[in-house]
C-alpha cells in the first residue's frame, strides 16, 4: 500500500479496476476527483448510482436501456430482417455513430473464451436464437472483433444459425483508412483482398 491516506488509496484501487487503467492513471483520476468542488463530486457519484439503478438489459437485444425495450428495438424505422451481433453495448454505440446501419442488434455481453472461463452459457446466445425462430430475420451479421475469441464465437454462432436457413455474414476486414500497405500484416492484406468491392 502506498503512503496515501486510506480514503485516497481506496479511490485509486477502485479506478484501477477499470480495464486499461494502471495505477498511475488511477492515481491521476483520483486526484482529479479530489480537485472537484463538492457539488461536482456529488453529481459524479449520483450519475454512477443512477446508471446502476436505472439501466438494465433490453429484453430483446440485451443492450442497456431505461425501458423494458430499447429505442432501437422499438423503432418502426429499423430493418427487423437484419440483426448485427456484437460483443458489448459499446459496439452498438460505435455502429450507431456511422449512421449507415439501419437494422437491429444483439449484444452477447462477451465472447467465448475457455482460457478466461467464459463459455456459451455465460453469453446471451439463447436470447439470440429465440429471436430467429419467427422467420422475420433474413440475415445475421457477425460483428465480433477479429481476435481468436471473436472468430471462435462468430464461427460457433454461424454453425447454429445457418441450419435455420438464415444468411450469416461476417464483417469485412481490411486496411484502415490512412494506413500504409507496407505496414499491414499478411492476414490483414489477405482479408482486404478477399473482401474487396467493385468501384
Foldseek 3Di string as FASTA:
>chain_A
DDPDDPVLVVQLVVQCVDPPQHSVNSNVVSVVLVPDDPVVNVVVVVVVVCCVPQWFAALQAGAIDNDNHHPLVPDPQAQAQEEEEEAHNVVVVVVVVVVPHRHHYHYQVHFDDVVVPDHSVSTCLVSVVVSPPPPSHQEYEQEYDPDPRSVVRLVVSCVVCVVVVHHYYYDQAEDDPPDDPVPDDPVRHVSCVVVDDDD
